[in-house]
Structures are given as structure tokens and as C-alpha cells.
């Protein structure tokens, strides 16, 4: 998990204590390389899983493996399109409604 605060709430801590077979591992704050892994999972989700029809978990696994094999056969490097100087500014909260009465 990332270090986002919602993963550290009392409710999550209680759930994890009640389910000891789950171990949480937090990613380092400087783990920007994980963003690329997230891109990869997004590609699998959009191109292989969402559009697929699966009759069983075994079928899902087989089709995912086939997708990844085909992806690797036509592999090409990812190219970062933004430099640190061009990265997006921090989002700011927008007012969603007026409270005038």
C-alpha cells in the first residue's frame, strides 16, 4: 500500500488485527518507480480484464497470461512524457455548492 492516511485509520487497524493472515507492506515515499507498475496494471485492466469474458478463475488466469505474453512479444519501452518541471500542479479544493440561504 502507499502511505496514504486512510490505510492507517483505526478501522483499518482493527480489521487487520482481526485478520492476522494479512500483512501490510507500505511502499517507500520515494517509490515513484511504482507509478510505472501501476500504469502496467492499468493497461492489463483496461485491455484484458474489463473487456473480457471469463468462465472461471482458471480461464481468467490463462487469458491474462496470454495477454502478457502477447504484450511482451510486441514490447517497446515506456517513455516518460513529463519532466519534473512540467508536472501537474497540486490540486486545489473547488467549491461544489453555494451555501447562501
PDB file of N, CA and C in Angstrom:
ATOM      1  N   UNK A   1       0.833  -1.182   0.000  1.00  0.00           N
ATOM      2  CA  UNK A   1       0.000   0.000   0.000  1.00  0.00           C
ATOM      3  C   UNK A   1       0.874   1.240   0.000  1.00  0.00           C
ATOM      4  N   UNK A   2       0.299   2.307  -0.509  1.00  0.00           N
ATOM      5  CA  UNK A   2       1.008   3.566  -0.374  1.00  0.00           C
ATOM      6  C   UNK A   2       0.804   4.079   1.054  1.00  0.00           C
ATOM      7  N   UNK A   3       1.438   5.159   1.382  1.00  0.00           N
ATOM      8  CA  UNK A   3       1.384   5.678   2.743  1.00  0.00           C
ATOM      9  C   UNK A   3       0.217   6.630   2.962  1.00  0.00           C
ATOM     10  N   UNK A   4      -0.810   6.510   2.164  1.00  0.00           N
ATOM     11  CA  UNK A   4      -1.970   7.377   2.291  1.00  0.00           C
ATOM     12  C   UNK A   4      -2.637   7.155   3.647  1.00  0.00           C
ATOM     13  N   UNK A   5      -3.105   8.198   4.266  1.00  0.00           N
ATOM     14  CA  UNK A   5      -3.608   8.142   5.640  1.00  0.00           C
ATOM     15  C   UNK A   5      -4.778   7.181   5.829  1.00  0.00           C
ATOM     16  N   UNK A   6      -5.611   6.979   4.810  1.00  0.00           N
ATOM     17  CA  UNK A   6      -6.784   6.108   5.017  1.00  0.00           C
ATOM     18  C   UNK A   6      -6.388   4.669   5.323  1.00  0.00           C
ATOM     19  N   UNK A   7      -5.180   4.264   4.939  1.00  0.00           N
ATOM     20  CA  UNK A   7      -4.737   2.911   5.258  1.00  0.00           C
ATOM     21  C   UNK A   7      -4.300   2.773   6.708  1.00  0.00           C
ATOM     22  N   UNK A   8      -4.230   3.891   7.424  1.00  0.00           N
ATOM     23  CA  UNK A   8      -3.756   3.878   8.807  1.00  0.00           C
ATOM     24  C   UNK A   8      -4.846   4.277   9.789  1.00  0.00           C
ATOM     25  N   UNK A   9      -6.100   4.267   9.361  1.00  0.00           N
ATOM     26  CA  UNK A   9      -7.201   4.654  10.240  1.00  0.00           C
ATOM     27  C   UNK A   9      -7.440   3.589  11.299  1.00  0.00           C
ATOM     28  N   UNK A  10      -8.073   3.964  12.420  1.00  0.00           N
ATOM     29  CA  UNK A  10      -8.377   2.963  13.469  1.00  0.00           C
ATOM     30  C   UNK A  10      -9.195   1.796  12.930  1.00  0.00           C
ATOM     31  N   UNK A  11     -10.140   2.077  11.997  1.00  0.00           N
ATOM     32  CA  UNK A  11     -10.970   0.991  11.456  1.00  0.00           C
ATOM     33  C   UNK A  11     -10.118  -0.028  10.700  1.00  0.00           C
ATOM     34  N   UNK A  12      -9.165   0.455   9.925  1.00  0.00           N
ATOM     35  CA  UNK A  12      -8.294  -0.446   9.181  1.00  0.00           C
ATOM     36  C   UNK A  12      -7.412  -1.224  10.150  1.00  0.00           C
ATOM     37  N   UNK A  13      -6.894  -0.565  11.153  1.00  0.00           N
ATOM     38  CA  UNK A  13      -6.043  -1.247  12.135  1.00  0.00           C
ATOM     39  C   UNK A  13      -6.817  -2.338  12.868  1.00  0.00           C
ATOM     40  N   UNK A  14      -8.074  -2.058  13.218  1.00  0.00           N
ATOM     41  CA  UNK A  14      -8.905  -3.070  13.889  1.00  0.00           C
ATOM     42  C   UNK A  14      -9.154  -4.252  12.950  1.00  0.00           C
ATOM     43  N   UNK A  15      -9.460  -3.963  11.679  1.00  0.00           N
ATOM     44  CA  UNK A  15      -9.719  -5.041  10.720  1.00  0.00           C
ATOM     45  C   UNK A  15      -8.476  -5.902  10.552  1.00  0.00           C
ATOM     46  N   UNK A  16      -7.327  -5.254  10.413  1.00  0.00           N
ATOM     47  CA  UNK A  16      -6.082  -6.012  10.239  1.00  0.00           C
ATOM     48  C   UNK A  16      -5.776  -6.854  11.466  1.00  0.00           C
ATOM     49  N   UNK A  17      -6.052  -6.333  12.657  1.00  0.00           N
ATOM     50  CA  UNK A  17      -5.826  -7.108  13.888  1.00  0.00           C
ATOM     51  C   UNK A  17      -6.747  -8.326  13.934  1.00  0.00           C
ATOM     52  N   UNK A  18      -7.946  -8.191  13.380  1.00  0.00           N
ATOM     53  CA  UNK A  18      -8.903  -9.311  13.365  1.00  0.00           C
ATOM     54  C   UNK A  18      -8.617 -10.315  12.251  1.00  0.00           C
ATOM     55  N   UNK A  19      -7.751  -9.955  11.311  1.00  0.00           N
ATOM     56  CA  UNK A  19      -7.403 -10.818  10.180  1.00  0.00           C
ATOM     57  C   UNK A  19      -5.883 -10.957  10.099  1.00  0.00           C
ATOM     58  N   UNK A  20      -5.278 -11.709  11.013  1.00  0.00           N
ATOM     59  CA  UNK A  20      -3.818 -11.765  11.100  1.00  0.00           C
ATOM     60  C   UNK A  20      -3.121 -12.399   9.901  1.00  0.00           C
ATOM     61  N   UNK A  21      -3.852 -13.058   9.027  1.00  0.00           N
ATOM     62  CA  UNK A  21      -3.151 -13.647   7.870  1.00  0.00           C
ATOM     63  C   UNK A  21      -2.748 -12.580   6.854  1.00  0.00           C
ATOM     64  N   UNK A  22      -3.295 -11.372   6.975  1.00  0.00           N
ATOM     65  CA  UNK A  22      -2.930 -10.273   6.085  1.00  0.00           C
ATOM     66  C   UNK A  22      -1.823  -9.446   6.722  1.00  0.00           C
ATOM     67  N   UNK A  23      -0.782  -9.204   5.951  1.00  0.00           N
ATOM     68  CA  UNK A  23       0.323  -8.361   6.396  1.00  0.00           C
ATOM     69  C   UNK A  23       0.409  -7.170   5.461  1.00  0.00           C
ATOM     70  N   UNK A  24       0.447  -5.985   6.034  1.00  0.00           N
ATOM     71  CA  UNK A  24       0.502  -4.772   5.226  1.00  0.00           C
ATOM     72  C   UNK A  24       1.954  -4.361   5.044  1.00  0.00           C
ATOM     73  N   UNK A  25       2.291  -4.050   3.820  1.00  0.00           N
ATOM     74  CA  UNK A  25       3.613  -3.520   3.499  1.00  0.00           C
ATOM     75  C   UNK A  25       3.400  -2.164   2.835  1.00  0.00           C
ATOM     76  N   UNK A  26       3.984  -1.143   3.424  1.00  0.00           N
ATOM     77  CA  UNK A  26       3.859   0.195   2.858  1.00  0.00           C
ATOM     78  C   UNK A  26       5.019   0.449   1.910  1.00  0.00           C
ATOM     79  N   UNK A  27       4.723   1.113   0.816  1.00  0.00           N
ATOM     80  CA  UNK A  27       5.763   1.447  -0.151  1.00  0.00           C
ATOM     81  C   UNK A  27       6.518   2.679   0.334  1.00  0.00           C
ATOM     82  N   UNK A  28       7.767   2.803  -0.040  1.00  0.00           N
ATOM     83  CA  UNK A  28       8.516   3.992   0.368  1.00  0.00           C
ATOM     84  C   UNK A  28       7.950   5.240  -0.300  1.00  0.00           C
ATOM     85  N   UNK A  29       8.034   6.351   0.414  1.00  0.00           N
ATOM     86  CA  UNK A  29       7.527   7.608  -0.131  1.00  0.00           C
ATOM     87  C   UNK A  29       8.249   7.981  -1.422  1.00  0.00           C
ATOM     88  N   UNK A  30       9.470   7.529  -1.564  1.00  0.00           N
ATOM     89  CA  UNK A  30      10.234   7.853  -2.771  1.00  0.00           C
ATOM     90  C   UNK A  30      10.093   6.780  -3.843  1.00  0.00           C
ATOM     91  N   UNK A  31       9.052   5.973  -3.783  1.00  0.00           N
ATOM     92  CA  UNK A  31       8.877   4.863  -4.724  1.00  0.00           C
ATOM     93  C   UNK A  31       8.176   5.268  -5.999  1.00  0.00           C
ATOM     94  N   UNK A  32       8.645   6.336  -6.652  1.00  0.00           N
ATOM     95  CA  UNK A  32       7.970   6.786  -7.866  1.00  0.00           C
ATOM     96  C   UNK A  32       8.011   5.737  -8.971  1.00  0.00           C
ATOM     97  N   UNK A  33       8.966   4.814  -8.920  1.00  0.00           N
ATOM     98  CA  UNK A  33       9.018   3.751  -9.917  1.00  0.00           C
ATOM     99  C   UNK A  33       7.756   2.901  -9.856  1.00  0.00           C
ATOM    100  N   UNK A  34       7.072   2.918  -8.691  1.00  0.00           N
ATOM    101  CA  UNK A  34       5.841   2.143  -8.574  1.00  0.00           C
ATOM    102  C   UNK A  34       4.726   2.733  -9.429  1.00  0.00           C
ATOM    103  N   UNK A  35       4.832   4.015  -9.758  1.00  0.00           N
ATOM    104  CA  UNK A  35       3.840   4.601 -10.643  1.00  0.00           C
ATOM    105  C   UNK A  35       3.812   3.865 -11.977  1.00  0.00           C
ATOM    106  N   UNK A  36       4.973   3.455 -12.455  1.00  0.00           N
ATOM    107  CA  UNK A  36       5.036   2.726 -13.711  1.00  0.00           C
ATOM    108  C   UNK A  36       4.396   1.340 -13.567  1.00  0.00           C
ATOM    109  N   UNK A  37       4.580   0.703 -12.409  1.00  0.00           N
ATOM    110  CA  UNK A  37       3.914  -0.580 -12.178  1.00  0.00           C
ATOM    111  C   UNK A  37       2.400  -0.393 -12.189  1.00  0.00           C
ATOM    112  N   UNK A  38       1.938   0.713 -11.621  1.00  0.00           N
ATOM    113  CA  UNK A  38       0.508   1.000 -11.624  1.00  0.00           C
ATOM    114  C   UNK A  38      -0.005   1.217 -13.045  1.00  0.00           C
ATOM    115  N   UNK A  39       0.796   1.849 -13.894  1.00  0.00           N
ATOM    116  CA  UNK A  39       0.434   2.019 -15.304  1.00  0.00           C
ATOM    117  C   UNK A  39       0.270   0.646 -15.958  1.00  0.00           C
ATOM    118  N   UNK A  40       1.199  -0.252 -15.670  1.00  0.00           N
ATOM    119  CA  UNK A  40       1.123  -1.601 -16.240  1.00  0.00           C
ATOM    120  C   UNK A  40      -0.136  -2.331 -15.830  1.00  0.00           C
ATOM    121  N   UNK A  41      -0.489  -2.257 -14.543  1.00  0.00           N
ATOM    122  CA  UNK A  41      -1.722  -2.899 -14.082  1.00  0.00           C
ATOM    123  C   UNK A  41      -2.946  -2.244 -14.714  1.00  0.00           C
ATOM    124  N   UNK A  42      -2.885  -0.933 -14.936  1.00  0.00           N
ATOM    125  CA  UNK A  42      -3.991  -0.244 -15.596  1.00  0.00           C
ATOM    126  C   UNK A  42      -4.186  -0.732 -17.021  1.00  0.00           C
ATOM    127  N   UNK A  43      -3.087  -0.972 -17.721  1.00  0.00           N
ATOM    128  CA  UNK A  43      -3.169  -1.487 -19.090  1.00  0.00           C
ATOM    129  C   UNK A  43      -3.816  -2.866 -19.100  1.00  0.00           C
ATOM    130  N   UNK A  44      -3.385  -3.724 -18.195  1.00  0.00           N
ATOM    131  CA  UNK A  44      -3.976  -5.068 -18.110  1.00  0.00           C
ATOM    132  C   UNK A  44      -5.463  -4.960 -17.808  1.00  0.00           C
ATOM    133  N   UNK A  45      -5.813  -4.071 -16.867  1.00  0.00           N
ATOM    134  CA  UNK A  45      -7.212  -3.911 -16.504  1.00  0.00           C
ATOM    135  C   UNK A  45      -8.056  -3.448 -17.687  1.00  0.00           C
ATOM    136  N   UNK A  46      -7.598  -2.385 -18.363  1.00  0.00           N
ATOM    137  CA  UNK A  46      -8.392  -1.814 -19.462  1.00  0.00           C
ATOM    138  C   UNK A  46      -8.428  -2.694 -20.701  1.00  0.00           C
ATOM    139  N   UNK A  47      -7.319  -3.338 -21.031  1.00  0.00           N
ATOM    140  CA  UNK A  47      -7.245  -4.054 -22.303  1.00  0.00           C
ATOM    141  C   UNK A  47      -7.516  -5.549 -22.193  1.00  0.00           C
ATOM    142  N   UNK A  48      -7.385  -6.118 -21.016  1.00  0.00           N
ATOM    143  CA  UNK A  48      -7.561  -7.568 -20.911  1.00  0.00           C
ATOM    144  C   UNK A  48      -8.718  -7.968 -20.004  1.00  0.00           C
ATOM    145  N   UNK A  49      -8.884  -7.275 -18.891  1.00  0.00           N
ATOM    146  CA  UNK A  49      -9.869  -7.736 -17.915  1.00  0.00           C
ATOM    147  C   UNK A  49     -11.253  -7.147 -18.162  1.00  0.00           C
ATOM    148  N   UNK A  50     -11.346  -5.829 -18.275  1.00  0.00           N
ATOM    149  CA  UNK A  50     -12.669  -5.195 -18.413  1.00  0.00           C
ATOM    150  C   UNK A  50     -13.433  -5.669 -19.632  1.00  0.00           C
ATOM    151  N   UNK A  51     -12.754  -5.905 -20.718  1.00  0.00           N
ATOM    152  CA  UNK A  51     -13.428  -6.287 -21.957  1.00  0.00           C
ATOM    153  C   UNK A  51     -13.567  -7.796 -22.106  1.00  0.00           C
ATOM    154  N   UNK A  52     -13.021  -8.540 -21.152  1.00  0.00           N
ATOM    155  CA  UNK A  52     -13.011  -9.990 -21.287  1.00  0.00           C
ATOM    156  C   UNK A  52     -14.246 -10.667 -20.749  1.00  0.00           C
ATOM    157  N   UNK A  53     -14.418 -11.897 -21.176  1.00  0.00           N
ATOM    158  CA  UNK A  53     -15.459 -12.780 -20.659  1.00  0.00           C
ATOM    159  C   UNK A  53     -14.736 -14.001 -20.129  1.00  0.00           C
ATOM    160  N   UNK A  54     -14.950 -14.316 -18.861  1.00  0.00           N
ATOM    161  CA  UNK A  54     -14.207 -15.399 -18.215  1.00  0.00           C
ATOM    162  C   UNK A  54     -15.189 -16.380 -17.597  1.00  0.00           C
ATOM    163  N   UNK A  55     -14.964 -17.632 -17.869  1.00  0.00           N
ATOM    164  CA  UNK A  55     -15.874 -18.660 -17.365  1.00  0.00           C
ATOM    165  C   UNK A  55     -15.432 -19.224 -16.024  1.00  0.00           C
ATOM    166  N   UNK A  56     -14.190 -18.922 -15.631  1.00  0.00           N
ATOM    167  CA  UNK A  56     -13.669 -19.416 -14.351  1.00  0.00           C
ATOM    168  C   UNK A  56     -12.408 -18.627 -14.012  1.00  0.00           C
ATOM    169  N   UNK A  57     -11.917 -18.812 -12.803  1.00  0.00           N
ATOM    170  CA  UNK A  57     -10.661 -18.175 -12.404  1.00  0.00           C
ATOM    171  C   UNK A  57      -9.516 -18.718 -13.260  1.00  0.00           C
ATOM    172  N   UNK A  58      -9.556 -20.010 -13.548  1.00  0.00           N
ATOM    173  CA  UNK A  58      -8.520 -20.605 -14.399  1.00  0.00           C
ATOM    174  C   UNK A  58      -8.530 -19.953 -15.784  1.00  0.00           C
ATOM    175  N   UNK A  59      -9.724 -19.735 -16.331  1.00  0.00           N
ATOM    176  CA  UNK A  59      -9.856 -19.079 -17.630  1.00  0.00           C
ATOM    177  C   UNK A  59      -9.306 -17.653 -17.566  1.00  0.00           C
ATOM    178  N   UNK A  60      -9.625 -16.922 -16.508  1.00  0.00           N
ATOM    179  CA  UNK A  60      -9.105 -15.566 -16.322  1.00  0.00           C
ATOM    180  C   UNK A  60      -7.580 -15.580 -16.292  1.00  0.00           C
ATOM    181  N   UNK A  61      -6.999 -16.488 -15.512  1.00  0.00           N
ATOM    182  CA  UNK A  61      -5.536 -16.578 -15.433  1.00  0.00           C
ATOM    183  C   UNK A  61      -4.911 -16.905 -16.783  1.00  0.00           C
ATOM    184  N   UNK A  62      -5.495 -17.845 -17.501  1.00  0.00           N
ATOM    185  CA  UNK A  62      -4.947 -18.225 -18.808  1.00  0.00           C
ATOM    186  C   UNK A  62      -4.996 -17.054 -19.786  1.00  0.00           C
ATOM    187  N   UNK A  63      -6.111 -16.337 -19.808  1.00  0.00           N
ATOM    188  CA  UNK A  63      -6.241 -15.209 -20.731  1.00  0.00           C
ATOM    189  C   UNK A  63      -5.323 -14.055 -20.336  1.00  0.00           C
ATOM    190  N   UNK A  64      -5.140 -13.840 -19.037  1.00  0.00           N
ATOM    191  CA  UNK A  64      -4.200 -12.808 -18.602  1.00  0.00           C
ATOM    192  C   UNK A  64      -2.777 -13.166 -18.993  1.00  0.00           C
ATOM    193  N   UNK A  65      -2.406 -14.416 -18.824  1.00  0.00           N
ATOM    194  CA  UNK A  65      -1.057 -14.847 -19.220  1.00  0.00           C
ATOM    195  C   UNK A  65      -0.863 -14.695 -20.728  1.00  0.00           C
ATOM    196  N   UNK A  66      -1.881 -15.035 -21.502  1.00  0.00           N
ATOM    197  CA  UNK A  66      -1.790 -14.881 -22.952  1.00  0.00           C
ATOM    198  C   UNK A  66      -1.640 -13.404 -23.317  1.00  0.00           C
ATOM    199  N   UNK A  67      -2.413 -12.530 -22.644  1.00  0.00           N
ATOM    200  CA  UNK A  67      -2.295 -11.098 -22.904  1.00  0.00           C
ATOM    201  C   UNK A  67      -0.874 -10.618 -22.612  1.00  0.00           C
ATOM    202  N   UNK A  68      -0.325 -11.024 -21.465  1.00  0.00           N
ATOM    203  CA  UNK A  68       1.028 -10.580 -21.093  1.00  0.00           C
ATOM    204  C   UNK A  68       2.083 -11.135 -22.046  1.00  0.00           C
ATOM    205  N   UNK A  69       1.912 -12.365 -22.502  1.00  0.00           N
ATOM    206  CA  UNK A  69       2.851 -12.935 -23.472  1.00  0.00           C
ATOM    207  C   UNK A  69       2.797 -12.159 -24.783  1.00  0.00           C
ATOM    208  N   UNK A  70       1.576 -11.877 -25.251  1.00  0.00           N
ATOM    209  CA  UNK A  70       1.430 -11.090 -26.482  1.00  0.00           C
ATOM    210  C   UNK A  70       2.007  -9.687 -26.305  1.00  0.00           C
ATOM    211  N   UNK A  71       1.759  -9.077 -25.144  1.00  0.00           N
ATOM    212  CA  UNK A  71       2.307  -7.742 -24.858  1.00  0.00           C
ATOM    213  C   UNK A  71       3.833  -7.785 -24.937  1.00  0.00           C
ATOM    214  N   UNK A  72       4.434  -8.789 -24.338  1.00  0.00           N
ATOM    215  CA  UNK A  72       5.894  -8.902 -24.332  1.00  0.00           C
ATOM    216  C   UNK A  72       6.450  -9.164 -25.730  1.00  0.00           C
ATOM    217  N   UNK A  73       5.686  -9.865 -26.572  1.00  0.00           N
ATOM    218  CA  UNK A  73       6.137 -10.117 -27.943  1.00  0.00           C
ATOM    219  C   UNK A  73       6.220  -8.836 -28.766  1.00  0.00           C
ATOM    220  N   UNK A  74       5.385  -7.863 -28.442  1.00  0.00           N
ATOM    221  CA  UNK A  74       5.417  -6.594 -29.181  1.00  0.00           C
ATOM    222  C   UNK A  74       5.921  -5.460 -28.273  1.00  0.00           C
ATOM    223  N   UNK A  75       6.798  -5.802 -27.369  1.00  0.00           N
ATOM    224  CA  UNK A  75       7.268  -4.861 -26.348  1.00  0.00           C
ATOM    225  C   UNK A  75       7.955  -3.631 -26.940  1.00  0.00           C
ATOM    226  N   UNK A  76       7.852  -2.580 -26.185  1.00  0.00           N
ATOM    227  CA  UNK A  76       8.523  -1.330 -26.504  1.00  0.00           C
ATOM    228  C   UNK A  76       8.686  -0.568 -25.189  1.00  0.00           C
ATOM    229  N   UNK A  77       9.676   0.263 -25.101  1.00  0.00           N
ATOM    230  CA  UNK A  77       9.905   0.944 -23.824  1.00  0.00           C
ATOM    231  C   UNK A  77       8.835   1.992 -23.529  1.00  0.00           C
ATOM    232  N   UNK A  78       8.553   2.151 -22.243  1.00  0.00           N
ATOM    233  CA  UNK A  78       7.704   3.258 -21.832  1.00  0.00           C
ATOM    234  C   UNK A  78       8.527   4.527 -21.915  1.00  0.00           C
ATOM    235  N   UNK A  79       7.905   5.588 -22.319  1.00  0.00           N
ATOM    236  CA  UNK A  79       8.595   6.867 -22.407  1.00  0.00           C
ATOM    237  C   UNK A  79       7.873   7.841 -21.482  1.00  0.00           C
ATOM    238  N   UNK A  80       8.617   8.394 -20.538  1.00  0.00           N
ATOM    239  CA  UNK A  80       8.032   9.395 -19.647  1.00  0.00           C
ATOM    240  C   UNK A  80       7.764  10.638 -20.470  1.00  0.00           C
ATOM    241  N   UNK A  81       6.565  11.164 -20.373  1.00  0.00           N
ATOM    242  CA  UNK A  81       6.209  12.315 -21.201  1.00  0.00           C
ATOM    243  C   UNK A  81       6.302  13.639 -20.462  1.00  0.00           C
ATOM    244  N   UNK A  82       6.480  13.598 -19.163  1.00  0.00           N
ATOM    245  CA  UNK A  82       6.583  14.842 -18.408  1.00  0.00           C
ATOM    246  C   UNK A  82       7.893  14.873 -17.639  1.00  0.00           C
ATOM    247  N   UNK A  83       8.536  16.003 -17.709  1.00  0.00           N
ATOM    248  CA  UNK A  83       9.729  16.216 -16.899  1.00  0.00           C
ATOM    249  C   UNK A  83       9.269  16.758 -15.547  1.00  0.00           C
ATOM    250  N   UNK A  84      10.121  16.746 -14.543  1.00  0.00           N
ATOM    251  CA  UNK A  84       9.714  17.313 -13.250  1.00  0.00           C
ATOM    252  C   UNK A  84       9.243  18.758 -13.372  1.00  0.00           C
ATOM    253  N   UNK A  85       9.802  19.510 -14.313  1.00  0.00           N
ATOM    254  CA  UNK A  85       9.397  20.901 -14.482  1.00  0.00           C
ATOM    255  C   UNK A  85       8.007  21.034 -15.100  1.00  0.00           C
ATOM    256  N   UNK A  86       7.554  19.995 -15.793  1.00  0.00           N
ATOM    257  CA  UNK A  86       6.249  20.048 -16.461  1.00  0.00           C
ATOM    258  C   UNK A  86       5.171  19.312 -15.698  1.00  0.00           C
ATOM    259  N   UNK A  87       5.480  18.801 -14.516  1.00  0.00           N
ATOM    260  CA  UNK A  87       4.497  18.008 -13.799  1.00  0.00           C
ATOM    261  C   UNK A  87       3.310  18.871 -13.381  1.00  0.00           C
ATOM    262  N   UNK A  88       2.213  18.213 -13.111  1.00  0.00           N
ATOM    263  CA  UNK A  88       0.976  18.911 -12.788  1.00  0.00           C
ATOM    264  C   UNK A  88       1.078  19.614 -11.446  1.00  0.00           C
ATOM    265  N   UNK A  89       0.443  20.760 -11.328  1.00  0.00           N
ATOM    266  CA  UNK A  89       0.436  21.439 -10.032  1.00  0.00           C
ATOM    267  C   UNK A  89      -0.443  20.685  -9.040  1.00  0.00           C
ATOM    268  N   UNK A  90      -0.259  20.963  -7.751  1.00  0.00           N
ATOM    269  CA  UNK A  90      -1.093  20.321  -6.743  1.00  0.00           C
ATOM    270  C   UNK A  90      -2.541  20.734  -6.953  1.00  0.00           C
ATOM    271  N   UNK A  91      -3.464  19.786  -6.789  1.00  0.00           N
ATOM    272  CA  UNK A  91      -4.874  20.148  -6.957  1.00  0.00           C
ATOM    273  C   UNK A  91      -5.326  21.047  -5.813  1.00  0.00           C
ATOM    274  N   UNK A  92      -6.290  21.879  -6.096  1.00  0.00           N
ATOM    275  CA  UNK A  92      -6.863  22.726  -5.055  1.00  0.00           C
ATOM    276  C   UNK A  92      -8.333  22.375  -4.930  1.00  0.00           C
ATOM    277  N   UNK A  93      -8.842  22.537  -3.726  1.00  0.00           N
ATOM    278  CA  UNK A  93     -10.244  22.206  -3.478  1.00  0.00           C
ATOM    279  C   UNK A  93     -11.140  23.197  -4.203  1.00  0.00           C
ATOM    280  N   UNK A  94     -12.173  22.694  -4.821  1.00  0.00           N
ATOM    281  CA  UNK A  94     -13.138  23.532  -5.509  1.00  0.00           C
ATOM    282  C   UNK A  94     -14.429  23.571  -4.715  1.00  0.00           C
ATOM    283  N   UNK A  95     -15.097  24.708  -4.720  1.00  0.00           N
ATOM    284  CA  UNK A  95     -16.401  24.806  -4.085  1.00  0.00           C
ATOM    285  C   UNK A  95     -17.398  24.094  -4.983  1.00  0.00           C
ATOM    286  N   UNK A  96     -18.154  23.166  -4.410  1.00  0.00           N
ATOM    287  CA  UNK A  96     -19.096  22.399  -5.228  1.00  0.00           C
ATOM    288  C   UNK A  96     -20.528  22.912  -5.118  1.00  0.00           C
ATOM    289  N   UNK A  97     -20.792  23.721  -4.107  1.00  0.00           N
ATOM    290  CA  UNK A  97     -22.151  24.267  -3.998  1.00  0.00           C
ATOM    291  C   UNK A  97     -22.109  25.572  -3.213  1.00  0.00           C
ATOM    292  N   UNK A  98     -23.097  26.356  -3.423  1.00  0.00           N
ATOM    293  CA  UNK A  98     -23.227  27.602  -2.690  1.00  0.00           C
ATOM    294  C   UNK A  98     -23.965  27.329  -1.396  1.00  0.00           C
ATOM    295  N   UNK A  99     -23.601  28.006  -0.338  1.00  0.00           N
ATOM    296  CA  UNK A  99     -24.273  27.818   0.940  1.00  0.00           C
ATOM    297  C   UNK A  99     -25.085  29.047   1.310  1.00  0.00           C
ATOM    298  N   UNK A 100     -25.447  29.862   0.310  1.00  0.00           N
ATOM    299  CA  UNK A 100     -26.246  31.051   0.568  1.00  0.00           C
ATOM    300  C   UNK A 100     -27.672  30.664   0.897  1.00  0.00           C
ATOM    301  N   UNK A 101     -28.215  31.242   1.929  1.00  0.00           N
ATOM    302  CA  UNK A 101     -29.601  30.944   2.319  1.00  0.00           C
ATOM    303  C   UNK A 101     -30.389  32.217   2.417  1.00  0.00           C
TER     304      UNK A 101
END
